[in-house]
């Protein structure tokens, strides 16, 4: 077996969860929350859910960077209506998934 075949076998043995990027995981979290009745999410709510689901710490700056990239890509949008964050209690402008994205993902 050559190196190319061995690498291909190793790559194919990885599960989908391993291959997902942090941005994909954050989008999945937002979609799941909306499917379960949440209208939108703050960065800290996303961070808290990510850490619960994946069992590892993620920096709030990383969450913010991924959320901003998803907004630029048109996959999330920022609400124009402020609300209190359920984690910090501070007024924030949460993000939400466009309804077409909610139906397509998952």
C-alpha atoms as a PDB file:
ATOM      1  CA  UNK A   1       0.000   0.000   0.000  1.00  0.00           C
ATOM      2  CA  UNK A   2       1.405   3.425  -0.881  1.00  0.00           C
ATOM      3  CA  UNK A   3       1.267   6.606   1.180  1.00  0.00           C
ATOM      4  CA  UNK A   4      -1.616   8.031  -0.862  1.00  0.00           C
ATOM      5  CA  UNK A   5      -3.799   4.989  -0.195  1.00  0.00           C
ATOM      6  CA  UNK A   6      -2.933   4.951   3.503  1.00  0.00           C
ATOM      7  CA  UNK A   7      -3.745   8.678   3.845  1.00  0.00           C
ATOM      8  CA  UNK A   8      -7.018   8.218   1.999  1.00  0.00           C
ATOM      9  CA  UNK A   9      -7.993   5.342   4.282  1.00  0.00           C
ATOM     10  CA  UNK A  10      -7.148   7.353   7.406  1.00  0.00           C
ATOM     11  CA  UNK A  11      -9.125  10.333   6.125  1.00  0.00           C
ATOM     12  CA  UNK A  12     -12.173   8.237   5.264  1.00  0.00           C
ATOM     13  CA  UNK A  13     -12.131   6.639   8.712  1.00  0.00           C
ATOM     14  CA  UNK A  14     -12.665  10.033  10.392  1.00  0.00           C
ATOM     15  CA  UNK A  15     -16.236  10.720  11.392  1.00  0.00           C
ATOM     16  CA  UNK A  16     -18.224  13.742  10.238  1.00  0.00           C
ATOM     17  CA  UNK A  17     -17.933  15.382  13.669  1.00  0.00           C
ATOM     18  CA  UNK A  18     -14.138  15.407  13.409  1.00  0.00           C
ATOM     19  CA  UNK A  19     -14.236  16.981   9.959  1.00  0.00           C
ATOM     20  CA  UNK A  20     -16.633  19.791  10.856  1.00  0.00           C
ATOM     21  CA  UNK A  21     -15.050  23.176  11.345  1.00  0.00           C
ATOM     22  CA  UNK A  22     -15.772  25.350  14.359  1.00  0.00           C
ATOM     23  CA  UNK A  23     -17.910  27.551  12.104  1.00  0.00           C
ATOM     24  CA  UNK A  24     -19.946  24.508  11.031  1.00  0.00           C
ATOM     25  CA  UNK A  25     -20.426  23.515  14.653  1.00  0.00           C
ATOM     26  CA  UNK A  26     -21.524  27.026  15.611  1.00  0.00           C
ATOM     27  CA  UNK A  27     -23.989  27.141  12.723  1.00  0.00           C
ATOM     28  CA  UNK A  28     -25.358  23.736  13.796  1.00  0.00           C
ATOM     29  CA  UNK A  29     -25.797  25.063  17.342  1.00  0.00           C
ATOM     30  CA  UNK A  30     -27.754  28.075  16.083  1.00  0.00           C
ATOM     31  CA  UNK A  31     -29.915  25.961  13.769  1.00  0.00           C
ATOM     32  CA  UNK A  32     -30.623  23.456  16.550  1.00  0.00           C
ATOM     33  CA  UNK A  33     -31.547  26.191  18.993  1.00  0.00           C
ATOM     34  CA  UNK A  34     -33.979  27.755  16.540  1.00  0.00           C
ATOM     35  CA  UNK A  35     -35.507  24.384  15.725  1.00  0.00           C
ATOM     36  CA  UNK A  36     -36.055  23.929  19.464  1.00  0.00           C
ATOM     37  CA  UNK A  37     -37.814  27.264  19.893  1.00  0.00           C
ATOM     38  CA  UNK A  38     -35.050  29.820  20.440  1.00  0.00           C
ATOM     39  CA  UNK A  39     -35.432  32.881  18.250  1.00  0.00           C
ATOM     40  CA  UNK A  40     -31.751  33.862  18.345  1.00  0.00           C
ATOM     41  CA  UNK A  41     -28.516  33.398  20.311  1.00  0.00           C
ATOM     42  CA  UNK A  42     -25.840  35.567  21.875  1.00  0.00           C
ATOM     43  CA  UNK A  43     -22.160  34.784  21.525  1.00  0.00           C
ATOM     44  CA  UNK A  44     -21.985  33.681  25.162  1.00  0.00           C
ATOM     45  CA  UNK A  45     -25.036  31.415  24.718  1.00  0.00           C
ATOM     46  CA  UNK A  46     -23.327  29.853  21.698  1.00  0.00           C
ATOM     47  CA  UNK A  47     -20.093  29.466  23.671  1.00  0.00           C
ATOM     48  CA  UNK A  48     -21.911  27.793  26.569  1.00  0.00           C
ATOM     49  CA  UNK A  49     -23.752  25.364  24.265  1.00  0.00           C
ATOM     50  CA  UNK A  50     -20.563  24.563  22.303  1.00  0.00           C
ATOM     51  CA  UNK A  51     -18.680  23.699  25.488  1.00  0.00           C
ATOM     52  CA  UNK A  52     -21.563  21.514  26.689  1.00  0.00           C
ATOM     53  CA  UNK A  53     -21.897  19.634  23.380  1.00  0.00           C
ATOM     54  CA  UNK A  54     -18.217  19.184  22.542  1.00  0.00           C
ATOM     55  CA  UNK A  55     -16.794  18.915  26.058  1.00  0.00           C
ATOM     56  CA  UNK A  56     -14.023  21.397  25.459  1.00  0.00           C
ATOM     57  CA  UNK A  57     -13.430  25.075  26.085  1.00  0.00           C
ATOM     58  CA  UNK A  58     -13.791  27.593  23.268  1.00  0.00           C
ATOM     59  CA  UNK A  59     -12.662  31.183  23.682  1.00  0.00           C
ATOM     60  CA  UNK A  60     -15.313  33.901  23.323  1.00  0.00           C
ATOM     61  CA  UNK A  61     -13.059  35.641  20.776  1.00  0.00           C
ATOM     62  CA  UNK A  62     -13.052  32.483  18.659  1.00  0.00           C
ATOM     63  CA  UNK A  63     -16.847  32.307  18.829  1.00  0.00           C
ATOM     64  CA  UNK A  64     -17.070  35.966  17.830  1.00  0.00           C
ATOM     65  CA  UNK A  65     -14.704  35.485  14.881  1.00  0.00           C
ATOM     66  CA  UNK A  66     -16.621  32.438  13.608  1.00  0.00           C
ATOM     67  CA  UNK A  67     -19.981  34.200  14.041  1.00  0.00           C
ATOM     68  CA  UNK A  68     -18.687  37.217  12.103  1.00  0.00           C
ATOM     69  CA  UNK A  69     -17.444  34.930   9.315  1.00  0.00           C
ATOM     70  CA  UNK A  70     -20.863  33.227   9.169  1.00  0.00           C
ATOM     71  CA  UNK A  71     -22.543  36.647   8.970  1.00  0.00           C
ATOM     72  CA  UNK A  72     -20.240  37.683   6.111  1.00  0.00           C
ATOM     73  CA  UNK A  73     -21.011  34.388   4.354  1.00  0.00           C
ATOM     74  CA  UNK A  74     -24.756  35.088   4.654  1.00  0.00           C
ATOM     75  CA  UNK A  75     -25.409  32.077   6.867  1.00  0.00           C
ATOM     76  CA  UNK A  76     -26.272  34.063  10.015  1.00  0.00           C
ATOM     77  CA  UNK A  77     -27.621  37.560  10.481  1.00  0.00           C
ATOM     78  CA  UNK A  78     -27.446  39.921  13.406  1.00  0.00           C
ATOM     79  CA  UNK A  79     -30.734  41.051  14.905  1.00  0.00           C
ATOM     80  CA  UNK A  80     -31.443  44.770  14.962  1.00  0.00           C
ATOM     81  CA  UNK A  81     -33.338  44.307  18.241  1.00  0.00           C
ATOM     82  CA  UNK A  82     -31.355  44.147  21.482  1.00  0.00           C
ATOM     83  CA  UNK A  83     -32.201  41.733  24.282  1.00  0.00           C
ATOM     84  CA  UNK A  84     -30.597  40.561  27.500  1.00  0.00           C
ATOM     85  CA  UNK A  85     -28.155  37.662  27.182  1.00  0.00           C
ATOM     86  CA  UNK A  86     -29.268  34.710  29.286  1.00  0.00           C
ATOM     87  CA  UNK A  87     -25.652  34.077  30.358  1.00  0.00           C
ATOM     88  CA  UNK A  88     -24.378  37.583  31.171  1.00  0.00           C
ATOM     89  CA  UNK A  89     -27.596  39.562  31.576  1.00  0.00           C
ATOM     90  CA  UNK A  90     -26.155  42.320  29.383  1.00  0.00           C
ATOM     91  CA  UNK A  91     -28.028  43.802  26.435  1.00  0.00           C
ATOM     92  CA  UNK A  92     -26.737  42.297  23.189  1.00  0.00           C
ATOM     93  CA  UNK A  93     -27.664  42.089  19.514  1.00  0.00           C
ATOM     94  CA  UNK A  94     -28.026  38.329  18.993  1.00  0.00           C
ATOM     95  CA  UNK A  95     -27.583  36.347  15.797  1.00  0.00           C
ATOM     96  CA  UNK A  96     -30.105  34.160  14.043  1.00  0.00           C
ATOM     97  CA  UNK A  97     -30.216  31.733  11.162  1.00  0.00           C
ATOM     98  CA  UNK A  98     -32.175  32.746   8.111  1.00  0.00           C
ATOM     99  CA  UNK A  99     -35.274  30.540   7.866  1.00  0.00           C
ATOM    100  CA  UNK A 100     -34.206  28.980   4.546  1.00  0.00           C
ATOM    101  CA  UNK A 101     -30.937  27.884   6.241  1.00  0.00           C
ATOM    102  CA  UNK A 102     -32.888  26.365   9.136  1.00  0.00           C
ATOM    103  CA  UNK A 103     -34.828  24.119   6.764  1.00  0.00           C
ATOM    104  CA  UNK A 104     -31.787  23.129   4.684  1.00  0.00           C
ATOM    105  CA  UNK A 105     -29.344  22.243   7.465  1.00  0.00           C
ATOM    106  CA  UNK A 106     -29.669  19.020   9.363  1.00  0.00           C
END
